Each structure stands twice: as structure tokens, then as C-alpha cells.
Amino acid sequence: MVRVIKHGLPPQRVANAIMGRVEDRQMTSGPAFLGELRDRLLDQVLGLLKADPVVGGVALIGSLGHGAADNWSDIDLLIL
């Protein structure tokens, strides 16, 4: 089971940010397709991590984790 931990946000926003798209996240710079590709990659990686019984938890950190991402932002995951 993967437990998602994200500092400073209400649980529902955390679930939306990790398990789906955060619709209110504004992408302010960079080509839109970069953000879309990154989000698709994140969805795939999280699916693999959820299926791995060895993974104890996942935290989305960095600009995505803090809700300050743009289209140039990378994916920063802390995997337990």
C-alpha cells in the first residue's frame, strides 16, 4: 500500500494532487506539452509504485508538492 504524504495541504487536495490532476494548478511558464508529459509520467510512476508491495509511502516534494509548479518543473518524489 502506498501512503502519500504532502506537507501543509488538506487531505483532499493531497489526494487530488497525487492521484489525479490538480485543476487549479496554474502553469505559468514553458510549453504546455511539457507539463502534460510530466503529469502523464507522474501518473504512470505512481501506478507502478502503488502496485509494489515493498513501497511503504510516497511523498511529492519540490515545486509540485508545494503547488508552485510550472511547465518546466520536474518531479521530486521521496519513496519509502
Protein backbone atom coordinates (compact mmCIF):
# COMPACT_ATOMS: atom_id res chain seq x y z
CA MET A 1 0.00 0.00 0.00
CA VAL A 2 1.30 3.43 -0.92
CA ARG A 3 0.59 6.23 1.50
CA VAL A 4 1.03 9.70 0.09
CA ILE A 5 2.38 12.38 2.38
CA LYS A 6 2.37 16.02 1.44
CA HIS A 7 3.16 18.78 3.88
CA GLY A 8 0.80 21.67 4.52
CA LEU A 9 -2.21 20.75 2.39
CA PRO A 10 -5.63 19.36 3.35
CA PRO A 11 -6.01 15.59 2.72
CA GLN A 12 -8.44 16.01 -0.20
CA ARG A 13 -6.06 18.35 -2.03
CA VAL A 14 -3.25 15.86 -1.43
CA ALA A 15 -5.30 13.03 -2.91
CA ASN A 16 -6.24 15.15 -5.91
CA ALA A 17 -2.66 16.28 -6.44
CA ILE A 18 -1.23 12.78 -6.33
CA MET A 19 -3.93 10.54 -7.69
CA GLY A 20 -5.34 12.88 -10.30
CA ARG A 21 -4.79 16.27 -11.78
CA VAL A 22 -4.92 19.42 -9.73
CA GLU A 23 -7.19 21.52 -11.88
CA ASP A 24 -6.43 24.77 -10.08
CA ARG A 25 -2.67 24.44 -10.52
CA GLN A 26 -1.54 27.22 -12.84
CA MET A 27 1.19 26.51 -15.33
CA THR A 28 2.71 29.91 -15.83
CA SER A 29 5.75 29.27 -17.99
CA GLY A 30 7.09 26.90 -20.57
CA PRO A 31 5.38 24.94 -23.32
CA ALA A 32 2.14 23.36 -22.15
CA PHE A 33 3.07 19.96 -23.58
CA LEU A 34 5.96 19.69 -21.10
CA GLY A 35 3.61 19.93 -18.13
CA GLU A 36 1.23 17.45 -19.76
CA LEU A 37 4.03 14.95 -20.42
CA ARG A 38 5.30 15.32 -16.87
CA ASP A 39 1.83 14.76 -15.42
CA ARG A 40 1.34 11.62 -17.54
CA LEU A 41 4.73 10.31 -16.44
CA LEU A 42 3.88 11.02 -12.80
CA ASP A 43 0.60 9.11 -13.17
CA GLN A 44 2.45 6.10 -14.62
CA VAL A 45 5.16 6.12 -11.96
CA LEU A 46 2.61 6.40 -9.14
CA GLY A 47 0.68 3.47 -10.62
CA LEU A 48 3.82 1.34 -10.57
CA LEU A 49 4.67 2.42 -7.03
CA LYS A 50 1.14 1.62 -5.80
CA ALA A 51 1.45 -1.88 -7.23
CA ASP A 52 4.80 -2.52 -5.49
CA PRO A 53 4.27 -4.14 -2.08
CA VAL A 54 7.75 -3.07 -0.95
CA VAL A 55 6.92 0.64 -1.21
CA GLY A 56 5.76 1.98 2.15
CA GLY A 57 4.93 5.53 1.11
CA VAL A 58 5.48 8.26 -1.43
CA ALA A 59 5.81 12.00 -0.89
CA LEU A 60 5.58 14.51 -3.71
CA ILE A 61 8.04 17.26 -2.82
CA GLY A 62 9.59 20.22 -4.59
CA SER A 63 7.58 22.75 -6.56
CA LEU A 64 4.87 20.22 -7.50
CA GLY A 65 4.49 19.22 -3.87
CA HIS A 66 4.19 22.84 -2.78
CA GLY A 67 1.72 23.81 -5.52
CA ALA A 68 4.18 26.21 -7.15
CA ALA A 69 4.95 24.21 -10.31
CA ASP A 70 5.12 25.47 -13.85
CA ASN A 71 5.60 23.62 -17.12
CA TRP A 72 9.38 23.45 -16.56
CA SER A 73 9.06 21.83 -13.12
CA ASP A 74 10.45 18.35 -12.61
CA ILE A 75 9.11 15.51 -10.47
CA ASP A 76 10.59 15.19 -6.99
CA LEU A 77 9.46 12.06 -5.16
CA LEU A 78 10.52 10.73 -1.78
CA ILE A 79 9.90 6.98 -1.83
CA LEU A 80 9.87 4.94 1.36
